[in-house]
């Protein structure tokens, strides 16, 4: 049976056993919450060499396979899996999830109730904020390692606290997480000031392709471009933000060619009235009102014509 709840407004305080963000922010030493009552072998500790693990450390691959599988962690297939910010099993890129009990936590307006339990709150500033609320409701002691992960998620998902979803509650959570041991300057440096050279070279190519028409901006990179400079898909993160930052531009799109697929992955942004989530949904994608993504078939001129037509009409 599926439990699916999409609130029409912010989560009422009565939903939580206690107020999500304490009025008086406790320090990490004086946390009001008791320790875990269960034995979590994988629980991170403050003695970890880094506050949060690199993405490549979060999963392993099956022997002889390049695709990560949940069965590498639990061969029995009986352990429930919690999926964050995914609109389907396919989105996870993981094998071995079929038949498991799935818990879906998402904050995208286009979120889909595909799991056994679905918590979708499009008013939440970040999924990390939703996880934070769960931790508080469960009386979890937030360790420095946990605080770092949650702070990093909130920082990035709010566009460094610039998106419209950022509220006083967002800063209250950030305050509390810093008090619990998150290091804001280190986290910001690790996320935004530790780019590989390939990312900067790719940005140069994208900006050299920049096109503007009235309040619309767009650019692209090809798979050939990426191969030439040794760039990977992750290097494309954030390119579209340079376009939407242009004065007078209200909508922007960045297209990345998918190698050997004749397809383009689109990152779409807006800062006006255009609901880019609705536009992305027309092409099988989704996201937020001002930030979304989808995939279109090529070639490039065809993909550009399709998305630019939608952005120009604001549909």
C-alpha atoms as a PDB file:
ATOM      1  CA  UNK A   1       0.000   0.000   0.000  1.00  0.00           C
ATOM      2  CA  UNK A   2       1.266   3.432  -0.876  1.00  0.00           C
ATOM      3  CA  UNK A   3       1.228   6.282   1.599  1.00  0.00           C
ATOM      4  CA  UNK A   4       1.458   9.489  -0.390  1.00  0.00           C
ATOM      5  CA  UNK A   5       1.283  12.930   1.134  1.00  0.00           C
ATOM      6  CA  UNK A   6       1.877  16.212  -0.605  1.00  0.00           C
ATOM      7  CA  UNK A   7       1.095  19.038   1.847  1.00  0.00           C
ATOM      8  CA  UNK A   8      -0.589  22.171   0.537  1.00  0.00           C
ATOM      9  CA  UNK A   9       1.588  24.348   2.732  1.00  0.00           C
ATOM     10  CA  UNK A  10       4.482  24.187   5.169  1.00  0.00           C
ATOM     11  CA  UNK A  11       4.430  21.207   7.514  1.00  0.00           C
ATOM     12  CA  UNK A  12       2.452  22.162  10.637  1.00  0.00           C
ATOM     13  CA  UNK A  13       4.383  22.233  13.877  1.00  0.00           C
ATOM     14  CA  UNK A  14       1.936  19.703  15.328  1.00  0.00           C
ATOM     15  CA  UNK A  15       3.210  17.117  12.838  1.00  0.00           C
ATOM     16  CA  UNK A  16       6.477  16.825  14.747  1.00  0.00           C
ATOM     17  CA  UNK A  17       6.882  15.417  18.266  1.00  0.00           C
ATOM     18  CA  UNK A  18       8.883  18.529  19.096  1.00  0.00           C
ATOM     19  CA  UNK A  19       9.628  21.845  17.438  1.00  0.00           C
ATOM     20  CA  UNK A  20      11.951  21.094  14.471  1.00  0.00           C
ATOM     21  CA  UNK A  21      14.334  23.960  15.190  1.00  0.00           C
ATOM     22  CA  UNK A  22      14.939  24.756  18.853  1.00  0.00           C
ATOM     23  CA  UNK A  23      14.385  28.375  19.864  1.00  0.00           C
ATOM     24  CA  UNK A  24      17.672  28.387  21.755  1.00  0.00           C
ATOM     25  CA  UNK A  25      20.261  26.790  19.531  1.00  0.00           C
ATOM     26  CA  UNK A  26      22.202  24.167  21.514  1.00  0.00           C
ATOM     27  CA  UNK A  27      25.884  23.611  21.027  1.00  0.00           C
ATOM     28  CA  UNK A  28      27.260  20.265  19.957  1.00  0.00           C
ATOM     29  CA  UNK A  29      28.329  19.687  23.574  1.00  0.00           C
ATOM     30  CA  UNK A  30      24.963  20.561  25.083  1.00  0.00           C
ATOM     31  CA  UNK A  31      22.644  18.863  22.599  1.00  0.00           C
ATOM     32  CA  UNK A  32      19.195  18.315  24.181  1.00  0.00           C
ATOM     33  CA  UNK A  33      18.722  15.053  22.292  1.00  0.00           C
ATOM     34  CA  UNK A  34      19.816  11.676  23.708  1.00  0.00           C
ATOM     35  CA  UNK A  35      22.128   9.299  21.891  1.00  0.00           C
ATOM     36  CA  UNK A  36      20.801   6.682  19.491  1.00  0.00           C
ATOM     37  CA  UNK A  37      18.873   3.957  21.278  1.00  0.00           C
ATOM     38  CA  UNK A  38      19.852   1.454  18.597  1.00  0.00           C
ATOM     39  CA  UNK A  39      23.274   0.251  17.559  1.00  0.00           C
ATOM     40  CA  UNK A  40      24.130   1.778  14.185  1.00  0.00           C
ATOM     41  CA  UNK A  41      27.366   0.214  13.029  1.00  0.00           C
ATOM     42  CA  UNK A  42      27.693   2.595  10.091  1.00  0.00           C
ATOM     43  CA  UNK A  43      27.009   5.699  12.149  1.00  0.00           C
ATOM     44  CA  UNK A  44      29.537   8.432  11.256  1.00  0.00           C
ATOM     45  CA  UNK A  45      31.658   9.794  14.062  1.00  0.00           C
ATOM     46  CA  UNK A  46      33.442  13.053  14.659  1.00  0.00           C
ATOM     47  CA  UNK A  47      36.751  11.185  14.358  1.00  0.00           C
ATOM     48  CA  UNK A  48      36.201  10.600  10.638  1.00  0.00           C
ATOM     49  CA  UNK A  49      39.050  12.111   8.560  1.00  0.00           C
ATOM     50  CA  UNK A  50      36.575  14.097   6.448  1.00  0.00           C
ATOM     51  CA  UNK A  51      33.177  15.506   7.441  1.00  0.00           C
ATOM     52  CA  UNK A  52      31.389  13.886   4.507  1.00  0.00           C
ATOM     53  CA  UNK A  53      32.433  11.093   2.162  1.00  0.00           C
ATOM     54  CA  UNK A  54      33.043  11.659  -1.546  1.00  0.00           C
ATOM     55  CA  UNK A  55      30.222  10.471  -3.836  1.00  0.00           C
ATOM     56  CA  UNK A  56      32.342   7.576  -5.101  1.00  0.00           C
ATOM     57  CA  UNK A  57      32.508   6.176  -1.577  1.00  0.00           C
ATOM     58  CA  UNK A  58      28.763   5.900  -1.175  1.00  0.00           C
ATOM     59  CA  UNK A  59      28.264   2.748  -3.216  1.00  0.00           C
ATOM     60  CA  UNK A  60      30.121  -0.310  -4.462  1.00  0.00           C
ATOM     61  CA  UNK A  61      29.745  -2.196  -7.710  1.00  0.00           C
ATOM     62  CA  UNK A  62      28.933  -5.832  -8.284  1.00  0.00           C
ATOM     63  CA  UNK A  63      31.795  -8.058  -9.337  1.00  0.00           C
ATOM     64  CA  UNK A  64      32.346  -7.673 -13.042  1.00  0.00           C
ATOM     65  CA  UNK A  65      29.736  -4.926 -13.266  1.00  0.00           C
ATOM     66  CA  UNK A  66      30.049  -1.186 -13.687  1.00  0.00           C
ATOM     67  CA  UNK A  67      26.535  -0.554 -12.375  1.00  0.00           C
ATOM     68  CA  UNK A  68      26.147  -0.208  -8.576  1.00  0.00           C
ATOM     69  CA  UNK A  69      23.630  -2.570  -7.006  1.00  0.00           C
ATOM     70  CA  UNK A  70      21.774  -2.542  -3.697  1.00  0.00           C
ATOM     71  CA  UNK A  71      22.445  -6.275  -3.586  1.00  0.00           C
ATOM     72  CA  UNK A  72      26.123  -5.531  -2.962  1.00  0.00           C
ATOM     73  CA  UNK A  73      25.096  -4.191   0.439  1.00  0.00           C
ATOM     74  CA  UNK A  74      22.140  -6.493   1.123  1.00  0.00           C
ATOM     75  CA  UNK A  75      22.080  -9.673  -0.999  1.00  0.00           C
ATOM     76  CA  UNK A  76      18.858 -10.830   0.706  1.00  0.00           C
ATOM     77  CA  UNK A  77      16.817  -7.971  -0.759  1.00  0.00           C
ATOM     78  CA  UNK A  78      14.896  -7.562   2.487  1.00  0.00           C
ATOM     79  CA  UNK A  79      16.380  -4.305   3.781  1.00  0.00           C
ATOM     80  CA  UNK A  80      14.249  -1.240   2.932  1.00  0.00           C
ATOM     81  CA  UNK A  81      15.915   1.445   0.828  1.00  0.00           C
ATOM     82  CA  UNK A  82      15.504   5.189   1.350  1.00  0.00           C
ATOM     83  CA  UNK A  83      15.702   7.176  -1.886  1.00  0.00           C
ATOM     84  CA  UNK A  84      16.320  10.927  -1.833  1.00  0.00           C
ATOM     85  CA  UNK A  85      15.333  13.282  -4.674  1.00  0.00           C
ATOM     86  CA  UNK A  86      14.476  10.536  -7.151  1.00  0.00           C
ATOM     87  CA  UNK A  87      11.309  10.422  -9.253  1.00  0.00           C
ATOM     88  CA  UNK A  88      11.728   6.721 -10.049  1.00  0.00           C
ATOM     89  CA  UNK A  89      13.948   3.721  -9.441  1.00  0.00           C
ATOM     90  CA  UNK A  90      15.652   4.363 -12.767  1.00  0.00           C
ATOM     91  CA  UNK A  91      16.759   7.782 -11.544  1.00  0.00           C
ATOM     92  CA  UNK A  92      18.882   6.160  -8.814  1.00  0.00           C
ATOM     93  CA  UNK A  93      21.126   4.398 -11.298  1.00  0.00           C
ATOM     94  CA  UNK A  94      21.076   1.387  -8.979  1.00  0.00           C
ATOM     95  CA  UNK A  95      20.223  -2.232  -9.630  1.00  0.00           C
ATOM     96  CA  UNK A  96      18.629  -4.512  -7.061  1.00  0.00           C
ATOM     97  CA  UNK A  97      15.893  -2.154  -5.845  1.00  0.00           C
ATOM     98  CA  UNK A  98      12.996  -3.993  -7.443  1.00  0.00           C
ATOM     99  CA  UNK A  99      10.924  -5.863  -4.900  1.00  0.00           C
ATOM    100  CA  UNK A 100      12.331  -3.995  -1.912  1.00  0.00           C
ATOM    101  CA  UNK A 101      10.349  -1.762   0.408  1.00  0.00           C
ATOM    102  CA  UNK A 102      11.195   1.745  -0.819  1.00  0.00           C
ATOM    103  CA  UNK A 103      10.873   5.039   1.047  1.00  0.00           C
ATOM    104  CA  UNK A 104      10.815   8.072  -1.223  1.00  0.00           C
ATOM    105  CA  UNK A 105      11.703  11.517   0.204  1.00  0.00           C
ATOM    106  CA  UNK A 106      11.555  14.404  -2.259  1.00  0.00           C
ATOM    107  CA  UNK A 107      10.905  18.129  -2.450  1.00  0.00           C
ATOM    108  CA  UNK A 108      10.427  18.578  -6.186  1.00  0.00           C
ATOM    109  CA  UNK A 109       7.072  19.813  -7.455  1.00  0.00           C
ATOM    110  CA  UNK A 110       7.288  17.054 -10.060  1.00  0.00           C
ATOM    111  CA  UNK A 111       7.965  14.339  -7.483  1.00  0.00           C
ATOM    112  CA  UNK A 112       6.186  11.042  -8.147  1.00  0.00           C
ATOM    113  CA  UNK A 113       4.734   8.592  -5.596  1.00  0.00           C
ATOM    114  CA  UNK A 114       6.469   5.482  -6.919  1.00  0.00           C
ATOM    115  CA  UNK A 115       7.577   3.955  -3.609  1.00  0.00           C
ATOM    116  CA  UNK A 116       5.868   2.112  -0.747  1.00  0.00           C
ATOM    117  CA  UNK A 117       6.092   5.241   1.396  1.00  0.00           C
ATOM    118  CA  UNK A 118       6.310   8.677  -0.219  1.00  0.00           C
ATOM    119  CA  UNK A 119       6.995  11.984   1.532  1.00  0.00           C
ATOM    120  CA  UNK A 120       6.959  14.800  -1.013  1.00  0.00           C
ATOM    121  CA  UNK A 121       7.029  18.361   0.277  1.00  0.00           C
ATOM    122  CA  UNK A 122       7.575  20.880  -2.493  1.00  0.00           C
ATOM    123  CA  UNK A 123       7.727  23.673   0.090  1.00  0.00           C
ATOM    124  CA  UNK A 124      10.843  22.261   1.732  1.00  0.00           C
ATOM    125  CA  UNK A 125      13.997  24.193   0.892  1.00  0.00           C
ATOM    126  CA  UNK A 126      15.996  20.965   0.568  1.00  0.00           C
ATOM    127  CA  UNK A 127      15.644  17.240   1.067  1.00  0.00           C
ATOM    128  CA  UNK A 128      18.468  17.601   3.577  1.00  0.00           C
ATOM    129  CA  UNK A 129      16.123  19.839   5.576  1.00  0.00           C
ATOM    130  CA  UNK A 130      13.490  17.092   5.511  1.00  0.00           C
ATOM    131  CA  UNK A 131      16.052  14.572   6.759  1.00  0.00           C
ATOM    132  CA  UNK A 132      17.021  17.079   9.461  1.00  0.00           C
ATOM    133  CA  UNK A 133      13.395  17.211  10.627  1.00  0.00           C
ATOM    134  CA  UNK A 134      13.284  13.411  10.789  1.00  0.00           C
ATOM    135  CA  UNK A 135      16.437  13.379  12.899  1.00  0.00           C
ATOM    136  CA  UNK A 136      15.013  15.948  15.283  1.00  0.00           C
ATOM    137  CA  UNK A 137      11.657  14.167  15.524  1.00  0.00           C
ATOM    138  CA  UNK A 138      13.487  10.924  16.305  1.00  0.00           C
ATOM    139  CA  UNK A 139      15.496  12.598  19.091  1.00  0.00           C
ATOM    140  CA  UNK A 140      18.745  11.881  17.265  1.00  0.00           C
ATOM    141  CA  UNK A 141      21.947  13.461  18.495  1.00  0.00           C
ATOM    142  CA  UNK A 142      23.317  15.278  15.460  1.00  0.00           C
ATOM    143  CA  UNK A 143      27.044  14.606  15.307  1.00  0.00           C
ATOM    144  CA  UNK A 144      29.540  16.937  13.556  1.00  0.00           C
ATOM    145  CA  UNK A 145      29.747  14.493  10.639  1.00  0.00           C
ATOM    146  CA  UNK A 146      25.967  14.365  10.254  1.00  0.00           C
ATOM    147  CA  UNK A 147      25.705  18.135  10.644  1.00  0.00           C
ATOM    148  CA  UNK A 148      28.257  18.630   7.870  1.00  0.00           C
ATOM    149  CA  UNK A 149      26.334  16.434   5.452  1.00  0.00           C
ATOM    150  CA  UNK A 150      23.012  18.110   6.214  1.00  0.00           C
ATOM    151  CA  UNK A 151      24.492  21.616   6.010  1.00  0.00           C
ATOM    152  CA  UNK A 152      26.119  20.792   2.648  1.00  0.00           C
ATOM    153  CA  UNK A 153      22.785  19.561   1.310  1.00  0.00           C
ATOM    154  CA  UNK A 154      20.919  22.668   2.443  1.00  0.00           C
ATOM    155  CA  UNK A 155      23.642  25.014   1.191  1.00  0.00           C
ATOM    156  CA  UNK A 156      23.685  23.529  -2.314  1.00  0.00           C
ATOM    157  CA  UNK A 157      19.933  22.924  -2.657  1.00  0.00           C
ATOM    158  CA  UNK A 158      19.132  26.553  -1.786  1.00  0.00           C
ATOM    159  CA  UNK A 159      21.686  27.922  -4.246  1.00  0.00           C
ATOM    160  CA  UNK A 160      23.850  29.127  -1.353  1.00  0.00           C
ATOM    161  CA  UNK A 161      20.746  30.511   0.354  1.00  0.00           C
ATOM    162  CA  UNK A 162      19.592  32.525  -2.699  1.00  0.00           C
ATOM    163  CA  UNK A 163      16.520  30.613  -3.919  1.00  0.00           C
ATOM    164  CA  UNK A 164      13.005  31.704  -3.002  1.00  0.00           C
ATOM    165  CA  UNK A 165      12.589  28.606  -0.838  1.00  0.00           C
ATOM    166  CA  UNK A 166      15.109  30.093   1.609  1.00  0.00           C
ATOM    167  CA  UNK A 167      13.339  31.333   4.747  1.00  0.00           C
ATOM    168  CA  UNK A 168      14.148  32.257   8.322  1.00  0.00           C
ATOM    169  CA  UNK A 169      13.675  28.575   9.197  1.00  0.00           C
ATOM    170  CA  UNK A 170      16.406  27.698   6.686  1.00  0.00           C
ATOM    171  CA  UNK A 171      18.898  29.926   8.456  1.00  0.00           C
ATOM    172  CA  UNK A 172      17.749  28.565  11.817  1.00  0.00           C
ATOM    173  CA  UNK A 173      18.569  25.042  10.636  1.00  0.00           C
ATOM    174  CA  UNK A 174      21.937  26.213   9.303  1.00  0.00           C
ATOM    175  CA  UNK A 175      22.628  27.916  12.639  1.00  0.00           C
ATOM    176  CA  UNK A 176      21.806  24.763  14.563  1.00  0.00           C
ATOM    177  CA  UNK A 177      23.885  22.545  12.270  1.00  0.00           C
ATOM    178  CA  UNK A 178      26.862  24.859  12.651  1.00  0.00           C
ATOM    179  CA  UNK A 179      26.385  24.671  16.417  1.00  0.00           C
ATOM    180  CA  UNK A 180      26.419  20.871  16.099  1.00  0.00           C
ATOM    181  CA  UNK A 181      29.810  20.931  14.391  1.00  0.00           C
ATOM    182  CA  UNK A 182      29.317  21.770  10.709  1.00  0.00           C
ATOM    183  CA  UNK A 183      32.059  24.098   9.421  1.00  0.00           C
ATOM    184  CA  UNK A 184      30.358  26.491   6.959  1.00  0.00           C
ATOM    185  CA  UNK A 185      33.547  27.925   5.455  1.00  0.00           C
ATOM    186  CA  UNK A 186      35.147  24.525   4.926  1.00  0.00           C
ATOM    187  CA  UNK A 187      31.998  23.075   3.389  1.00  0.00           C
ATOM    188  CA  UNK A 188      31.607  26.048   1.021  1.00  0.00           C
ATOM    189  CA  UNK A 189      35.265  25.758   0.044  1.00  0.00           C
ATOM    190  CA  UNK A 190      35.011  22.027  -0.608  1.00  0.00           C
ATOM    191  CA  UNK A 191      31.887  22.437  -2.752  1.00  0.00           C
ATOM    192  CA  UNK A 192      32.564  25.646  -4.652  1.00  0.00           C
ATOM    193  CA  UNK A 193      36.320  26.272  -4.524  1.00  0.00           C
ATOM    194  CA  UNK A 194      37.700  22.812  -5.312  1.00  0.00           C
ATOM    195  CA  UNK A 195      36.905  22.438  -8.997  1.00  0.00           C
ATOM    196  CA  UNK A 196      38.962  20.231 -11.331  1.00  0.00           C
ATOM    197  CA  UNK A 197      40.628  21.962 -14.271  1.00  0.00           C
ATOM    198  CA  UNK A 198      38.337  20.046 -16.653  1.00  0.00           C
ATOM    199  CA  UNK A 199      35.303  21.820 -15.187  1.00  0.00           C
ATOM    200  CA  UNK A 200      36.811  25.246 -15.822  1.00  0.00           C
ATOM    201  CA  UNK A 201      37.813  24.295 -19.367  1.00  0.00           C
ATOM    202  CA  UNK A 202      34.278  23.043 -20.016  1.00  0.00           C
ATOM    203  CA  UNK A 203      32.846  26.287 -18.657  1.00  0.00           C
ATOM    204  CA  UNK A 204      35.032  28.184 -21.120  1.00  0.00           C
ATOM    205  CA  UNK A 205      33.630  26.163 -24.028  1.00  0.00           C
ATOM    206  CA  UNK A 206      30.068  26.657 -22.833  1.00  0.00           C
ATOM    207  CA  UNK A 207      30.494  30.410 -22.426  1.00  0.00           C
ATOM    208  CA  UNK A 208      32.076  30.669 -25.888  1.00  0.00           C
ATOM    209  CA  UNK A 209      28.859  29.117 -27.286  1.00  0.00           C
ATOM    210  CA  UNK A 210      26.638  31.522 -25.341  1.00  0.00           C
ATOM    211  CA  UNK A 211      23.621  32.906 -27.214  1.00  0.00           C
ATOM    212  CA  UNK A 212      21.201  35.573 -25.967  1.00  0.00           C
ATOM    213  CA  UNK A 213      17.875  36.704 -27.369  1.00  0.00           C
ATOM    214  CA  UNK A 214      15.984  39.319 -25.399  1.00  0.00           C
ATOM    215  CA  UNK A 215      15.417  37.765 -21.931  1.00  0.00           C
ATOM    216  CA  UNK A 216      16.496  34.252 -22.955  1.00  0.00           C
ATOM    217  CA  UNK A 217      20.006  32.765 -22.852  1.00  0.00           C
ATOM    218  CA  UNK A 218      21.275  29.353 -23.896  1.00  0.00           C
ATOM    219  CA  UNK A 219      24.453  27.408 -24.568  1.00  0.00           C
ATOM    220  CA  UNK A 220      25.698  23.861 -25.087  1.00  0.00           C
ATOM    221  CA  UNK A 221      28.642  21.481 -25.095  1.00  0.00           C
ATOM    222  CA  UNK A 222      29.022  18.390 -27.250  1.00  0.00           C
ATOM    223  CA  UNK A 223      30.320  14.980 -26.238  1.00  0.00           C
ATOM    224  CA  UNK A 224      33.284  15.661 -28.520  1.00  0.00           C
ATOM    225  CA  UNK A 225      34.051  18.817 -26.532  1.00  0.00           C
ATOM    226  CA  UNK A 226      33.948  16.851 -23.303  1.00  0.00           C
ATOM    227  CA  UNK A 227      36.157  14.052 -24.596  1.00  0.00           C
ATOM    228  CA  UNK A 228      38.718  16.543 -25.867  1.00  0.00           C
ATOM    229  CA  UNK A 229      39.237  18.138 -22.453  1.00  0.00           C
ATOM    230  CA  UNK A 230      38.622  15.029 -20.358  1.00  0.00           C
ATOM    231  CA  UNK A 231      35.420  16.376 -18.780  1.00  0.00           C
ATOM    232  CA  UNK A 232      32.713  14.252 -17.190  1.00  0.00           C
ATOM    233  CA  UNK A 233      29.001  14.878 -16.632  1.00  0.00           C
ATOM    234  CA  UNK A 234      29.587  16.250 -13.133  1.00  0.00           C
ATOM    235  CA  UNK A 235      31.727  19.038 -14.616  1.00  0.00           C
ATOM    236  CA  UNK A 236      28.568  20.458 -16.193  1.00  0.00           C
ATOM    237  CA  UNK A 237      26.976  21.176 -12.828  1.00  0.00           C
ATOM    238  CA  UNK A 238      26.344  24.881 -12.345  1.00  0.00           C
ATOM    239  CA  UNK A 239      27.057  26.026 -15.912  1.00  0.00           C
ATOM    240  CA  UNK A 240      23.462  27.178 -16.394  1.00  0.00           C
ATOM    241  CA  UNK A 241      23.752  29.423 -13.336  1.00  0.00           C
ATOM    242  CA  UNK A 242      26.178  31.659 -15.202  1.00  0.00           C
ATOM    243  CA  UNK A 243      23.535  32.161 -17.890  1.00  0.00           C
ATOM    244  CA  UNK A 244      20.681  32.996 -15.533  1.00  0.00           C
ATOM    245  CA  UNK A 245      22.966  35.447 -13.706  1.00  0.00           C
ATOM    246  CA  UNK A 246      23.071  37.738 -16.763  1.00  0.00           C
ATOM    247  CA  UNK A 247      21.234  41.011 -16.182  1.00  0.00           C
ATOM    248  CA  UNK A 248      17.908  41.037 -18.029  1.00  0.00           C
ATOM    249  CA  UNK A 249      17.835  37.284 -18.637  1.00  0.00           C
ATOM    250  CA  UNK A 250      14.706  35.642 -17.220  1.00  0.00           C
ATOM    251  CA  UNK A 251      15.121  32.103 -18.585  1.00  0.00           C
ATOM    252  CA  UNK A 252      18.195  30.059 -19.455  1.00  0.00           C
ATOM    253  CA  UNK A 253      19.025  26.561 -20.640  1.00  0.00           C
ATOM    254  CA  UNK A 254      22.237  24.566 -20.904  1.00  0.00           C
ATOM    255  CA  UNK A 255      22.400  21.498 -23.159  1.00  0.00           C
ATOM    256  CA  UNK A 256      24.911  18.684 -22.684  1.00  0.00           C
ATOM    257  CA  UNK A 257      25.189  16.051 -25.369  1.00  0.00           C
ATOM    258  CA  UNK A 258      24.965  12.483 -24.078  1.00  0.00           C
ATOM    259  CA  UNK A 259      27.702  10.382 -25.662  1.00  0.00           C
ATOM    260  CA  UNK A 260      26.603   7.707 -28.139  1.00  0.00           C
ATOM    261  CA  UNK A 261      22.922   8.450 -27.616  1.00  0.00           C
ATOM    262  CA  UNK A 262      22.007  11.379 -29.913  1.00  0.00           C
ATOM    263  CA  UNK A 263      20.376  12.986 -26.890  1.00  0.00           C
ATOM    264  CA  UNK A 264      20.909  16.137 -24.878  1.00  0.00           C
ATOM    265  CA  UNK A 265      20.536  16.563 -21.131  1.00  0.00           C
ATOM    266  CA  UNK A 266      19.041  19.977 -20.330  1.00  0.00           C
ATOM    267  CA  UNK A 267      19.445  22.153 -17.232  1.00  0.00           C
ATOM    268  CA  UNK A 268      16.800  24.881 -17.200  1.00  0.00           C
ATOM    269  CA  UNK A 269      16.542  27.934 -14.956  1.00  0.00           C
ATOM    270  CA  UNK A 270      14.248  30.947 -14.598  1.00  0.00           C
ATOM    271  CA  UNK A 271      14.006  33.949 -12.319  1.00  0.00           C
ATOM    272  CA  UNK A 272      10.727  35.326 -13.613  1.00  0.00           C
ATOM    273  CA  UNK A 273       7.208  33.987 -14.045  1.00  0.00           C
ATOM    274  CA  UNK A 274       8.114  31.081 -16.304  1.00  0.00           C
ATOM    275  CA  UNK A 275       7.512  27.746 -14.566  1.00  0.00           C
ATOM    276  CA  UNK A 276      10.361  25.651 -15.939  1.00  0.00           C
ATOM    277  CA  UNK A 277       9.219  22.587 -13.989  1.00  0.00           C
ATOM    278  CA  UNK A 278       6.078  22.458 -16.131  1.00  0.00           C
ATOM    279  CA  UNK A 279       8.173  22.841 -19.260  1.00  0.00           C
ATOM    280  CA  UNK A 280      10.503  20.033 -18.209  1.00  0.00           C
ATOM    281  CA  UNK A 281       7.538  17.797 -17.417  1.00  0.00           C
ATOM    282  CA  UNK A 282       6.337  18.169 -21.021  1.00  0.00           C
ATOM    283  CA  UNK A 283       9.542  16.423 -22.049  1.00  0.00           C
ATOM    284  CA  UNK A 284       9.490  13.743 -19.359  1.00  0.00           C
ATOM    285  CA  UNK A 285      11.617  15.640 -16.843  1.00  0.00           C
ATOM    286  CA  UNK A 286      10.791  17.749 -13.826  1.00  0.00           C
ATOM    287  CA  UNK A 287      12.121  19.785 -10.941  1.00  0.00           C
ATOM    288  CA  UNK A 288      11.216  23.081  -9.310  1.00  0.00           C
ATOM    289  CA  UNK A 289       9.426  26.148 -10.611  1.00  0.00           C
ATOM    290  CA  UNK A 290      12.723  27.970 -11.207  1.00  0.00           C
ATOM    291  CA  UNK A 291      15.101  25.036 -11.678  1.00  0.00           C
ATOM    292  CA  UNK A 292      14.437  21.874 -13.638  1.00  0.00           C
ATOM    293  CA  UNK A 293      15.867  19.417 -16.124  1.00  0.00           C
ATOM    294  CA  UNK A 294      14.941  16.956 -18.869  1.00  0.00           C
ATOM    295  CA  UNK A 295      16.376  15.007 -21.777  1.00  0.00           C
ATOM    296  CA  UNK A 296      15.650  15.694 -25.463  1.00  0.00           C
ATOM    297  CA  UNK A 297      16.505  13.766 -28.602  1.00  0.00           C
ATOM    298  CA  UNK A 298      19.011  15.359 -30.981  1.00  0.00           C
ATOM    299  CA  UNK A 299      20.396  16.610 -33.178  1.00  0.00           C
ATOM    300  CA  UNK A 300      21.319  19.861 -31.453  1.00  0.00           C
ATOM    301  CA  UNK A 301      19.328  22.234 -33.752  1.00  0.00           C
ATOM    302  CA  UNK A 302      16.171  20.175 -33.188  1.00  0.00           C
ATOM    303  CA  UNK A 303      16.614  20.015 -29.422  1.00  0.00           C
ATOM    304  CA  UNK A 304      17.295  23.751 -29.273  1.00  0.00           C
ATOM    305  CA  UNK A 305      14.230  24.596 -31.326  1.00  0.00           C
ATOM    306  CA  UNK A 306      11.973  22.508 -29.101  1.00  0.00           C
ATOM    307  CA  UNK A 307      13.123  23.944 -25.792  1.00  0.00           C
ATOM    308  CA  UNK A 308      13.504  27.546 -26.968  1.00  0.00           C
ATOM    309  CA  UNK A 309       9.984  27.534 -28.371  1.00  0.00           C
ATOM    310  CA  UNK A 310       8.643  26.466 -24.988  1.00  0.00           C
ATOM    311  CA  UNK A 311      10.713  29.018 -23.091  1.00  0.00           C
ATOM    312  CA  UNK A 312       9.728  31.857 -25.402  1.00  0.00           C
ATOM    313  CA  UNK A 313       6.035  31.139 -25.015  1.00  0.00           C
ATOM    314  CA  UNK A 314       6.382  30.474 -21.296  1.00  0.00           C
ATOM    315  CA  UNK A 315       4.309  27.305 -21.544  1.00  0.00           C
END
